[in-house]
Protein backbone atom coordinates (compact mmCIF):
# COMPACT_ATOMS: atom_id res chain seq x y z
CA MET A 1 127.39 128.30 75.87
CA GLN A 2 128.57 127.85 79.43
CA PRO A 3 130.60 124.66 80.07
CA VAL A 4 128.85 122.03 82.14
CA ARG A 5 130.21 122.13 85.68
CA ARG A 6 131.38 118.80 87.05
CA SER A 7 129.01 119.05 90.01
CA THR A 8 126.12 119.52 87.61
CA LEU A 9 127.26 116.53 85.56
CA ILE A 10 127.41 114.36 88.68
CA ALA A 11 123.88 115.45 89.59
CA GLN A 12 122.68 114.56 86.09
CA VAL A 13 124.30 111.11 86.23
CA THR A 14 122.93 110.53 89.73
CA GLU A 15 119.44 111.35 88.50
CA ARG A 16 119.90 109.04 85.50
CA LEU A 17 120.84 106.14 87.78
CA ARG A 18 118.02 107.00 90.18
CA ASP A 19 115.59 106.85 87.26
CA GLU A 20 116.78 103.34 86.38
CA ILE A 21 115.79 102.29 89.91
CA ARG A 22 112.50 104.19 90.10
CA SER A 23 111.37 102.84 86.73
CA GLY A 24 111.92 99.25 87.83
CA ARG A 25 114.56 98.57 85.20
CA TRP A 26 116.86 97.90 88.14
CA PRO A 27 114.46 96.21 90.60
CA VAL A 28 114.94 96.04 94.34
CA GLY A 29 117.35 93.22 95.16
CA SER A 30 119.06 93.25 91.76
CA ARG A 31 122.72 94.02 91.12
CA ILE A 32 123.31 97.19 89.13
CA PRO A 33 125.70 97.24 86.14
CA THR A 34 129.44 97.35 86.72
CA GLU A 35 131.35 100.61 86.75
CA PRO A 36 132.57 100.27 83.11
CA GLU A 37 129.00 99.50 82.05
CA LEU A 38 127.71 102.56 83.90
CA CYS A 39 130.34 104.70 82.18
CA GLU A 40 129.10 103.41 78.82
CA LEU A 41 125.45 103.88 79.82
CA THR A 42 125.93 107.49 80.91
CA GLY A 43 128.70 108.52 78.54
CA THR A 44 130.82 109.80 81.43
CA GLY A 45 134.07 108.91 83.16
CA ARG A 46 134.78 106.66 86.11
CA ASN A 47 135.14 109.45 88.67
CA THR A 48 131.76 110.91 87.77
CA VAL A 49 130.10 107.50 87.92
CA ARG A 50 131.75 106.72 91.26
CA GLU A 51 130.49 109.93 92.83
CA ALA A 52 126.98 109.39 91.45
CA VAL A 53 126.93 105.84 92.82
CA GLN A 54 128.19 107.09 96.18
CA ALA A 55 125.38 109.65 96.30
CA LEU A 56 122.85 106.85 95.90
CA VAL A 57 124.63 104.80 98.57
CA HIS A 58 124.29 107.74 100.98
CA SER A 59 120.59 108.08 100.14
CA GLY A 60 120.04 104.40 100.96
CA LEU A 61 118.94 103.36 97.47
CA ILE A 62 121.88 101.05 96.80
CA GLU A 63 124.49 99.13 98.79
CA ARG A 64 128.00 98.01 97.94
CA ARG A 65 128.76 94.41 98.89
CA GLN A 66 132.41 93.48 99.07
CA GLY A 67 133.38 91.01 96.37
CA SER A 68 129.84 90.82 94.99
CA GLY A 69 128.85 94.16 93.48
CA THR A 70 126.38 96.95 94.15
CA TYR A 71 122.72 96.10 94.81
CA VAL A 72 119.45 98.00 94.83
CA LEU A 73 118.03 98.28 98.35
CA ALA A 74 115.07 100.58 97.71
CA ASP A 75 113.32 102.46 94.93
CA SER A 76 112.75 105.70 96.86
CA GLU A 77 114.72 107.80 99.32
CA VAL A 78 111.99 107.32 101.93
CA THR A 79 112.31 103.56 101.66
CA GLY A 80 116.08 103.88 101.76
CA ALA A 81 115.98 106.00 104.93
CA LEU A 82 113.68 103.48 106.60
CA GLY A 83 116.02 100.70 105.56
CA LYS A 84 118.93 102.40 107.29
CA TYR A 85 116.83 102.80 110.43
CA PHE A 86 115.71 99.17 110.46
CA ALA A 87 119.27 97.96 109.90
CA GLY A 88 120.07 98.83 113.51
CA ALA A 89 116.87 97.46 115.01
CA HIS A 90 116.61 94.47 117.36
CA GLU A 91 116.01 91.21 115.50
CA ARG A 92 112.89 90.36 117.49
CA ASP A 93 111.44 93.82 116.85
CA VAL A 94 111.99 93.42 113.11
CA LEU A 95 110.42 89.96 113.17
CA GLU A 96 107.34 91.22 115.05
CA LEU A 97 106.93 94.05 112.55
CA ARG A 98 107.40 91.64 109.68
CA GLN A 99 104.79 89.33 111.23
CA SER A 100 102.18 92.09 111.05
CA LEU A 101 102.97 92.79 107.41
CA ASP A 102 103.38 89.22 106.20
CA VAL A 103 100.28 87.83 107.88
CA THR A 104 97.97 90.60 106.69
CA ALA A 105 99.50 90.54 103.20
CA ALA A 106 98.96 86.76 102.98
CA GLY A 107 95.25 87.21 103.66
CA LEU A 108 94.97 90.02 101.12
CA ALA A 109 96.94 88.01 98.54
CA ALA A 110 94.47 85.14 98.85
CA GLN A 111 91.65 87.57 98.12
CA ARG A 112 93.30 89.57 95.35
CA ARG A 113 95.80 87.31 93.58
CA THR A 114 95.58 87.24 89.81
CA ALA A 115 96.47 84.47 87.39
CA ASP A 116 99.85 86.16 86.89
CA ASP A 117 100.37 86.29 90.66
CA ILE A 118 99.61 82.58 90.96
CA ARG A 119 102.17 81.70 88.31
CA GLU A 120 104.74 83.99 89.93
CA LEU A 121 104.23 82.54 93.41
CA GLN A 122 104.43 78.97 92.14
CA ASP A 123 107.66 79.83 90.29
CA LEU A 124 109.10 81.52 93.38
CA LEU A 125 108.19 78.53 95.56
CA ALA A 126 109.85 76.13 93.12
CA ALA A 127 112.94 78.36 93.00
CA ARG A 128 113.02 78.42 96.80
CA GLU A 129 112.83 74.62 97.00
CA ARG A 130 115.67 74.29 94.48
CA ALA A 131 117.81 76.82 96.32
CA TRP A 132 117.44 75.08 99.68
CA ARG A 133 118.72 71.85 98.13
CA GLN A 134 121.99 73.63 97.33
CA ALA A 135 124.82 74.23 99.78
CA ASP A 136 124.81 78.04 99.46
CA LEU A 137 122.81 79.45 102.38
CA ARG A 138 122.87 82.98 100.99
CA THR A 139 121.24 81.82 97.75
CA ALA A 140 118.60 79.90 99.72
CA ILE A 141 117.81 82.93 101.86
CA ALA A 142 117.54 85.20 98.82
CA ALA A 143 115.02 82.77 97.31
CA ASP A 144 113.11 82.63 100.60
CA ILE A 145 112.87 86.41 100.82
CA ALA A 146 111.87 86.66 97.15
CA LEU A 147 108.91 84.37 97.85
CA HIS A 148 107.74 86.40 100.83
CA ARG A 149 108.10 89.62 98.86
CA GLY A 150 106.09 88.00 96.06
CA ILE A 151 103.27 87.33 98.51
CA VAL A 152 103.30 90.96 99.62
CA ALA A 153 103.27 92.04 95.95
CA ALA A 154 100.26 89.76 95.36
CA SER A 155 98.37 91.69 98.05
CA HIS A 156 98.30 94.60 95.57
CA ASN A 157 98.86 97.09 98.38
CA GLN A 158 101.60 99.38 97.10
CA VAL A 159 102.22 100.96 100.51
CA TYR A 160 102.76 97.52 102.04
CA LEU A 161 105.19 96.62 99.27
CA GLU A 162 107.24 99.81 99.58
CA PHE A 163 107.43 99.47 103.35
CA TYR A 164 108.37 95.79 103.01
CA ASP A 165 111.16 96.72 100.61
CA SER A 166 112.58 99.04 103.25
CA LEU A 167 112.79 96.03 105.58
CA LEU A 168 114.60 93.72 103.13
CA PRO A 169 118.17 94.23 104.42
CA ALA A 170 117.01 93.72 108.02
CA ILE A 171 114.93 90.71 106.98
CA GLU A 172 117.92 89.16 105.26
CA ALA A 173 120.02 89.59 108.40
CA THR A 174 117.43 88.01 110.71
CA VAL A 175 116.67 85.11 108.37
CA PHE A 176 120.38 84.39 107.88
CA GLY A 177 120.99 84.43 111.62
CA HIS A 178 118.08 82.10 112.35
CA ALA A 179 118.85 79.68 109.51
CA SER A 180 122.54 79.57 110.44
CA ALA A 181 121.71 78.79 114.06
CA THR A 182 118.90 76.28 113.54
CA GLY A 183 119.06 75.05 109.94
CA ALA A 184 115.26 75.32 109.86
CA GLY A 185 113.74 76.06 106.48
CA PHE A 186 110.00 75.63 107.21
CA HIS A 187 109.51 74.09 103.78
CA ASP A 188 106.10 72.52 104.43
CA GLU A 189 104.82 75.78 105.91
CA HIS A 190 105.88 77.76 102.84
CA ALA A 191 104.23 75.24 100.52
CA ASP A 192 101.03 75.34 102.57
CA LEU A 193 101.01 79.14 102.54
CA VAL A 194 101.33 79.35 98.77
CA ALA A 195 98.68 76.64 98.33
CA ALA A 196 96.24 78.63 100.49
CA ILE A 197 96.83 81.81 98.50
CA VAL A 198 96.46 79.98 95.18
CA ALA A 199 93.20 78.44 96.44
CA GLY A 200 91.91 81.85 97.44
CA ASP A 201 91.45 80.69 101.03
CA SER A 202 92.09 83.85 103.03
CA ASP A 203 91.42 82.29 106.45
CA ARG A 204 93.82 79.45 105.79
CA ALA A 205 96.48 81.84 104.45
CA LEU A 206 96.19 84.00 107.56
CA ALA A 207 96.36 81.00 109.88
CA THR A 208 99.34 79.46 108.08
CA ALA A 209 101.33 82.69 108.01
CA ARG A 210 100.49 83.37 111.67
CA CYS A 211 101.57 79.88 112.71
CA PHE A 212 104.82 80.24 110.79
CA PHE A 213 105.76 83.44 112.60
CA ASP A 214 104.58 82.09 115.96
CA GLU A 215 107.18 79.35 115.57
CA LEU A 216 109.90 81.86 114.72
CA LEU A 217 109.04 84.17 117.62
CA ALA A 218 108.83 81.28 120.08
CA GLY A 219 112.62 81.01 119.97
CA TYR A 220 113.00 84.59 121.12
CA ALA A 221 110.48 84.08 123.92
CA GLU A 222 112.42 81.06 125.15
CA ALA A 223 115.67 83.03 125.10
CA ASP A 224 114.17 86.03 126.91
CA PRO A 225 112.18 85.24 130.08
CA ALA A 226 110.67 88.74 130.01
CA VAL A 227 108.88 87.91 126.75
CA GLY A 228 105.65 85.94 126.64
């Protein structure tokens, strides 16, 4: 029997970690296990695990965050590549693209939401409200984004959801910048949006989501006389 080459072993471990992401066992936005835990999971050494993790970083599936850990950014290489592209995009451009996705998804969610979706959205809204009462802005933003992603998931359009996931790092950056500058949380608007979806009122969901983004984009129009 030929010995297993190290490069082959790295490829095998990389594929094992990729499968954890694709299967949803490590969902988008979650932190992956620590390096010692990955060594135990794969039965390999630290160097092999490090190179496998780095391969997934290069592909855009995961991201290392200093002092926090390594997080899942996407569940496919296509989504990861899009995420890298959007990371360098202008904030207003990202917000306008997000407006198209969020507004349409809100209308679809009102039409298609299931009982499970309703429970999930109500839980996400409650978690968002709790998070914004805390002092940690990053935690509040994560809860905000989780709610919006939950609305897209409730649209039951898998293409929308995958594309939205590719936007998550860029969304986080724009939301953090806006919240840091203004302190605005739009709490009533989020509650109204969830209520419209729960009620199955597609027109109201569309109008509420559209109004929410109109307010956000108004700030960019005021800052840029060429817009509007």
